[in-house]
C-alpha atoms as a PDB file:
ATOM      1  CA  MET A   1      87.532  -4.218 -72.027  1.00  0.00           C
ATOM      2  CA  GLN A   2      85.494  -7.250 -73.287  1.00  0.00           C
ATOM      3  CA  ASP A   3      86.587  -9.486 -75.974  1.00  0.00           C
ATOM      4  CA  ASN A   4      83.010  -9.578 -77.382  1.00  0.00           C
ATOM      5  CA  PRO A   5      82.806  -9.228 -81.145  1.00  0.00           C
ATOM      6  CA  GLU A   6      80.531  -6.441 -82.548  1.00  0.00           C
ATOM      7  CA  PRO A   7      76.892  -7.260 -82.883  1.00  0.00           C
ATOM      8  CA  SER A   8      76.921  -6.884 -86.754  1.00  0.00           C
ATOM      9  CA  ALA A   9      79.895  -9.553 -86.832  1.00  0.00           C
ATOM     10  CA  GLN A  10      77.880 -11.897 -84.543  1.00  0.00           C
ATOM     11  CA  ALA A  11      74.786 -11.544 -86.816  1.00  0.00           C
ATOM     12  CA  ALA A  12      76.981 -12.224 -89.930  1.00  0.00           C
ATOM     13  CA  GLY A  13      78.454 -15.373 -88.349  1.00  0.00           C
ATOM     14  CA  ALA A  14      74.958 -16.579 -87.230  1.00  0.00           C
ATOM     15  CA  MET A  15      73.610 -16.052 -90.789  1.00  0.00           C
ATOM     16  CA  GLY A  16      76.809 -17.870 -92.341  1.00  0.00           C
ATOM     17  CA  ALA A  17      76.132 -20.729 -89.756  1.00  0.00           C
ATOM     18  CA  ARG A  18      72.450 -20.781 -90.894  1.00  0.00           C
ATOM     19  CA  TRP A  19      73.415 -20.940 -94.594  1.00  0.00           C
ATOM     20  CA  LEU A  20      76.151 -23.703 -93.889  1.00  0.00           C
ATOM     21  CA  GLU A  21      73.522 -25.903 -92.116  1.00  0.00           C
ATOM     22  CA  ALA A  22      70.793 -25.287 -94.681  1.00  0.00           C
ATOM     23  CA  THR A  23      73.060 -26.236 -97.455  1.00  0.00           C
ATOM     24  CA  LEU A  24      74.218 -29.390 -95.460  1.00  0.00           C
ATOM     25  CA  LEU A  25      70.495 -30.351 -94.813  1.00  0.00           C
ATOM     26  CA  ALA A  26      69.556 -29.809 -98.468  1.00  0.00           C
ATOM     27  CA  GLY A  27      72.451 -32.050 -99.450  1.00  0.00           C
ATOM     28  CA  PHE A  28      71.376 -34.563 -96.906  1.00  0.00           C
ATOM     29  CA  LEU A  29      67.787 -34.554 -98.346  1.00  0.00           C
ATOM     30  CA  VAL A  30      69.408 -34.997-101.945  1.00  0.00           C
ATOM     31  CA  LEU A  31      71.359 -37.915-100.673  1.00  0.00           C
ATOM     32  CA  ILE A  32      68.172 -39.592 -98.964  1.00  0.00           C
ATOM     33  CA  VAL A  33      66.272 -39.161-102.252  1.00  0.00           C
ATOM     34  CA  ALA A  34      69.152 -40.492-104.278  1.00  0.00           C
ATOM     35  CA  PHE A  35      69.684 -43.531-101.984  1.00  0.00           C
ATOM     36  CA  VAL A  36      65.757 -44.328-101.943  1.00  0.00           C
ATOM     37  CA  TRP A  37      65.733 -44.019-105.842  1.00  0.00           C
ATOM     38  CA  ALA A  38      68.836 -46.253-105.949  1.00  0.00           C
ATOM     39  CA  SER A  39      67.460 -48.973-103.555  1.00  0.00           C
ATOM     40  CA  PHE A  40      64.473 -49.406-105.909  1.00  0.00           C
ATOM     41  CA  ALA A  41      66.429 -49.742-109.137  1.00  0.00           C
ATOM     42  CA  GLU A  42      67.224 -53.456-108.750  1.00  0.00           C
ATOM     43  CA  VAL A  43      65.370 -56.000-106.487  1.00  0.00           C
ATOM     44  CA  SER A  44      67.207 -59.381-106.176  1.00  0.00           C
ATOM     45  CA  ALA A  45      65.539 -62.728-106.925  1.00  0.00           C
ATOM     46  CA  PHE A  46      66.270 -63.465-103.180  1.00  0.00           C
ATOM     47  CA  ALA A  47      64.123 -60.354-102.055  1.00  0.00           C
ATOM     48  CA  ARG A  48      61.236 -61.371-104.341  1.00  0.00           C
ATOM     49  CA  SER A  49      61.112 -65.034-103.326  1.00  0.00           C
ATOM     50  CA  GLY A  50      59.653 -64.139 -99.978  1.00  0.00           C
ATOM     51  CA  HIS A  51      62.352 -65.711 -97.835  1.00  0.00           C
ATOM     52  CA  GLY A  52      63.376 -62.976 -95.345  1.00  0.00           C
ATOM     53  CA  ARG A  53      63.063 -59.271 -95.979  1.00  0.00           C
ATOM     54  CA  GLY A  54      65.655 -58.960 -98.481  1.00  0.00           C
ATOM     55  CA  PRO A  55      68.693 -56.680 -98.799  1.00  0.00           C
ATOM     56  CA  TYR A  56      66.778 -53.579 -99.336  1.00  0.00           C
ATOM     57  CA  PHE A  57      64.340 -53.615 -96.396  1.00  0.00           C
ATOM     58  CA  PHE A  58      66.826 -52.222 -93.647  1.00  0.00           C
ATOM     59  CA  PRO A  59      68.436 -49.395 -95.778  1.00  0.00           C
ATOM     60  CA  ARG A  60      64.890 -48.134 -96.739  1.00  0.00           C
ATOM     61  CA  LEU A  61      63.758 -48.300 -93.043  1.00  0.00           C
ATOM     62  CA  VAL A  62      66.876 -46.304 -92.187  1.00  0.00           C
ATOM     63  CA  LEU A  63      66.306 -43.766 -94.886  1.00  0.00           C
ATOM     64  CA  GLY A  64      62.600 -43.451 -94.084  1.00  0.00           C
ATOM     65  CA  VAL A  65      63.283 -42.612 -90.372  1.00  0.00           C
ATOM     66  CA  MET A  66      66.018 -40.018 -91.462  1.00  0.00           C
ATOM     67  CA  ALA A  67      63.603 -38.510 -93.845  1.00  0.00           C
ATOM     68  CA  LEU A  68      60.979 -38.312 -90.977  1.00  0.00           C
ATOM     69  CA  LEU A  69      63.542 -36.610 -88.624  1.00  0.00           C
ATOM     70  CA  LEU A  70      64.913 -34.085 -91.215  1.00  0.00           C
ATOM     71  CA  PRO A  71      61.994 -31.662 -90.521  1.00  0.00           C
ATOM     72  CA  PHE A  72      62.943 -31.501 -87.070  1.00  0.00           C
ATOM     73  CA  LEU A  73      66.399 -30.528 -87.895  1.00  0.00           C
ATOM     74  CA  VAL A  74      64.992 -27.841 -90.245  1.00  0.00           C
ATOM     75  CA  LEU A  75      62.799 -26.436 -87.497  1.00  0.00           C
ATOM     76  CA  ARG A  76      65.882 -26.371 -85.032  1.00  0.00           C
ATOM     77  CA  LEU A  77      67.781 -24.438 -87.819  1.00  0.00           C
ATOM     78  CA  VAL A  78      65.115 -21.918 -88.121  1.00  0.00           C
ATOM     79  CA  ARG A  79      65.019 -21.224 -84.336  1.00  0.00           C
ATOM     80  CA  SER A  80      68.873 -21.267 -83.783  1.00  0.00           C
ATOM     81  CA  THR A  81      71.335 -18.309 -83.561  1.00  0.00           C
ATOM     82  CA  ARG A  82      74.478 -19.966 -83.742  1.00  0.00           C
ATOM     83  CA  THR A  83      77.875 -18.980 -85.284  1.00  0.00           C
ATOM     84  CA  LEU A  84      80.181 -20.778 -87.694  1.00  0.00           C
ATOM     85  CA  PRO A  85      81.953 -23.901 -86.214  1.00  0.00           C
ATOM     86  CA  GLU A  86      85.746 -23.915 -85.863  1.00  0.00           C
ATOM     87  CA  ARG A  87      87.700 -25.053 -88.966  1.00  0.00           C
ATOM     88  CA  ALA A  88      89.553 -28.223 -87.575  1.00  0.00           C
ATOM     89  CA  PRO A  89      86.161 -30.196 -86.656  1.00  0.00           C
ATOM     90  CA  MET A  90      84.626 -29.395 -89.949  1.00  0.00           C
ATOM     91  CA  ILE A  91      87.785 -30.921 -91.760  1.00  0.00           C
ATOM     92  CA  ARG A  92      87.487 -34.098 -89.660  1.00  0.00           C
ATOM     93  CA  LEU A  93      83.789 -34.115 -90.445  1.00  0.00           C
ATOM     94  CA  GLY A  94      84.575 -33.967 -94.156  1.00  0.00           C
ATOM     95  CA  ALA A  95      87.242 -36.748 -93.853  1.00  0.00           C
ATOM     96  CA  VAL A  96      84.709 -38.853 -92.088  1.00  0.00           C
ATOM     97  CA  ILE A  97      82.082 -38.344 -94.858  1.00  0.00           C
ATOM     98  CA  ALA A  98      84.783 -39.088 -97.379  1.00  0.00           C
ATOM     99  CA  LEU A  99      85.969 -42.243 -95.533  1.00  0.00           C
ATOM    100  CA  THR A 100      82.232 -43.368 -95.312  1.00  0.00           C
ATOM    101  CA  ALA A 101      81.973 -42.929 -99.143  1.00  0.00           C
ATOM    102  CA  LEU A 102      85.002 -45.047 -99.700  1.00  0.00           C
ATOM    103  CA  TYR A 103      83.539 -47.717 -97.337  1.00  0.00           C
ATOM    104  CA  ILE A 104      80.463 -47.790 -99.459  1.00  0.00           C
ATOM    105  CA  ALA A 105      82.253 -47.939-102.590  1.00  0.00           C
ATOM    106  CA  GLY A 106      84.554 -50.759-101.144  1.00  0.00           C
ATOM    107  CA  LEU A 107      81.699 -52.980-100.181  1.00  0.00           C
ATOM    108  CA  GLU A 108      81.091 -54.160-103.707  1.00  0.00           C
ATOM    109  CA  ARG A 109      84.818 -54.370-104.484  1.00  0.00           C
ATOM    110  CA  ILE A 110      86.393 -56.100-101.577  1.00  0.00           C
ATOM    111  CA  GLY A 111      83.216 -57.215 -99.600  1.00  0.00           C
ATOM    112  CA  PHE A 112      81.320 -56.266 -96.338  1.00  0.00           C
ATOM    113  CA  VAL A 113      83.717 -57.869 -93.983  1.00  0.00           C
ATOM    114  CA  ALA A 114      86.996 -56.547 -95.192  1.00  0.00           C
ATOM    115  CA  SER A 115      85.501 -53.048 -95.717  1.00  0.00           C
ATOM    116  CA  SER A 116      83.990 -52.769 -92.336  1.00  0.00           C
ATOM    117  CA  ILE A 117      87.266 -54.028 -90.808  1.00  0.00           C
ATOM    118  CA  VAL A 118      89.188 -51.220 -92.478  1.00  0.00           C
ATOM    119  CA  TYR A 119      86.464 -48.713 -91.839  1.00  0.00           C
ATOM    120  CA  ALA A 120      86.053 -49.628 -88.135  1.00  0.00           C
ATOM    121  CA  LEU A 121      89.911 -49.053 -87.997  1.00  0.00           C
ATOM    122  CA  ALA A 122      90.165 -45.854 -90.120  1.00  0.00           C
ATOM    123  CA  ILE A 123      87.245 -43.827 -88.308  1.00  0.00           C
ATOM    124  CA  PRO A 124      88.790 -44.150 -84.720  1.00  0.00           C
ATOM    125  CA  LEU A 125      92.222 -43.464 -85.920  1.00  0.00           C
ATOM    126  CA  LEU A 126      91.115 -40.337 -87.822  1.00  0.00           C
ATOM    127  CA  LEU A 127      89.231 -39.161 -84.713  1.00  0.00           C
ATOM    128  CA  GLY A 128      92.315 -39.631 -82.491  1.00  0.00           C
ATOM    129  CA  ARG A 129      92.382 -43.093 -80.976  1.00  0.00           C
ATOM    130  CA  ARG A 130      95.798 -44.666 -81.214  1.00  0.00           C
ATOM    131  CA  ASP A 131      95.528 -47.925 -79.134  1.00  0.00           C
ATOM    132  CA  LEU A 132      95.566 -50.477 -82.046  1.00  0.00           C
ATOM    133  CA  TRP A 133      95.896 -53.216 -79.467  1.00  0.00           C
ATOM    134  CA  LEU A 134      92.097 -52.428 -78.798  1.00  0.00           C
ATOM    135  CA  LEU A 135      90.955 -51.132 -82.245  1.00  0.00           C
ATOM    136  CA  VAL A 136      91.946 -54.266 -84.119  1.00  0.00           C
ATOM    137  CA  PRO A 137      90.187 -56.838 -82.190  1.00  0.00           C
ATOM    138  CA  VAL A 138      87.163 -54.606 -81.844  1.00  0.00           C
ATOM    139  CA  ALA A 139      87.093 -54.012 -85.694  1.00  0.00           C
ATOM    140  CA  VAL A 140      87.401 -57.667 -86.546  1.00  0.00           C
ATOM    141  CA  VAL A 141      84.799 -58.868 -83.992  1.00  0.00           C
ATOM    142  CA  TYR A 142      82.442 -56.050 -85.042  1.00  0.00           C
ATOM    143  CA  ALA A 143      82.568 -56.950 -88.710  1.00  0.00           C
ATOM    144  CA  LEU A 144      82.186 -60.589 -88.045  1.00  0.00           C
ATOM    145  CA  VAL A 145      79.166 -60.243 -85.708  1.00  0.00           C
ATOM    146  CA  VAL A 146      77.328 -57.951 -87.934  1.00  0.00           C
ATOM    147  CA  TRP A 147      77.943 -60.187 -90.848  1.00  0.00           C
ATOM    148  CA  LEU A 148      76.714 -63.230 -89.079  1.00  0.00           C
ATOM    149  CA  LEU A 149      73.779 -61.246 -87.619  1.00  0.00           C
ATOM    150  CA  PHE A 150      72.590 -60.183 -91.095  1.00  0.00           C
ATOM    151  CA  GLU A 151      73.541 -63.470 -92.881  1.00  0.00           C
ATOM    152  CA  ARG A 152      72.094 -65.947 -90.410  1.00  0.00           C
ATOM    153  CA  ALA A 153      69.417 -64.054 -88.451  1.00  0.00           C
ATOM    154  CA  PHE A 154      67.964 -61.521 -90.890  1.00  0.00           C
ATOM    155  CA  LEU A 155      68.631 -63.846 -93.817  1.00  0.00           C
ATOM    156  CA  ILE A 156      70.155 -60.868 -95.663  1.00  0.00           C
ATOM    157  CA  ILE A 157      73.043 -61.585 -98.013  1.00  0.00           C
ATOM    158  CA  LEU A 158      75.732 -58.898 -97.696  1.00  0.00           C
ATOM    159  CA  PRO A 159      78.354 -58.207-100.516  1.00  0.00           C
ATOM    160  CA  ALA A 160      81.109 -60.779-100.614  1.00  0.00           C
ATOM    161  CA  GLY A 161      83.204 -58.539-102.918  1.00  0.00           C
ATOM    162  CA  SER A 162      84.256 -59.053-106.612  1.00  0.00           C
ATOM    163  CA  TRP A 163      87.768 -60.340-105.476  1.00  0.00           C
ATOM    164  CA  TRP A 164      86.187 -63.051-103.725  1.00  0.00           C
ATOM    165  CA  SER A 165      83.643 -64.238-105.903  1.00  0.00           C
END
């Protein structure tokens, strides 16, 4: 005897996976549009003065590339015949998305450096890494190097946080 499910069960699983992916891609498209809309809501005096590209250039660039690549994901979705993913990785994915949302919310409150250190520690811990002796210095160095790169090389001012202002 083989442990293969019935063809109708496979077809139902493939259809469920397609709906799940289609819903995620539609949500992703809505997020891209919302973030682009929000990035045009306020332009700082620094960005208008002509010194550097301003804080909105790189997010718009990334969102533009993501919007250009989204049709390729949709095309792959149309051609695929996959089944629903396992539950545990989907829960981890949801937790990563929630942590990312908290990271974004924390940027204004506690600033880029502190938020990035916490985020760079939380994500690997969530995904199973337990070697804090390595994670802590990597998170601190990562946050400081990225901050220095944006502040000094790109001339883009990153949020300092309302607690430090």
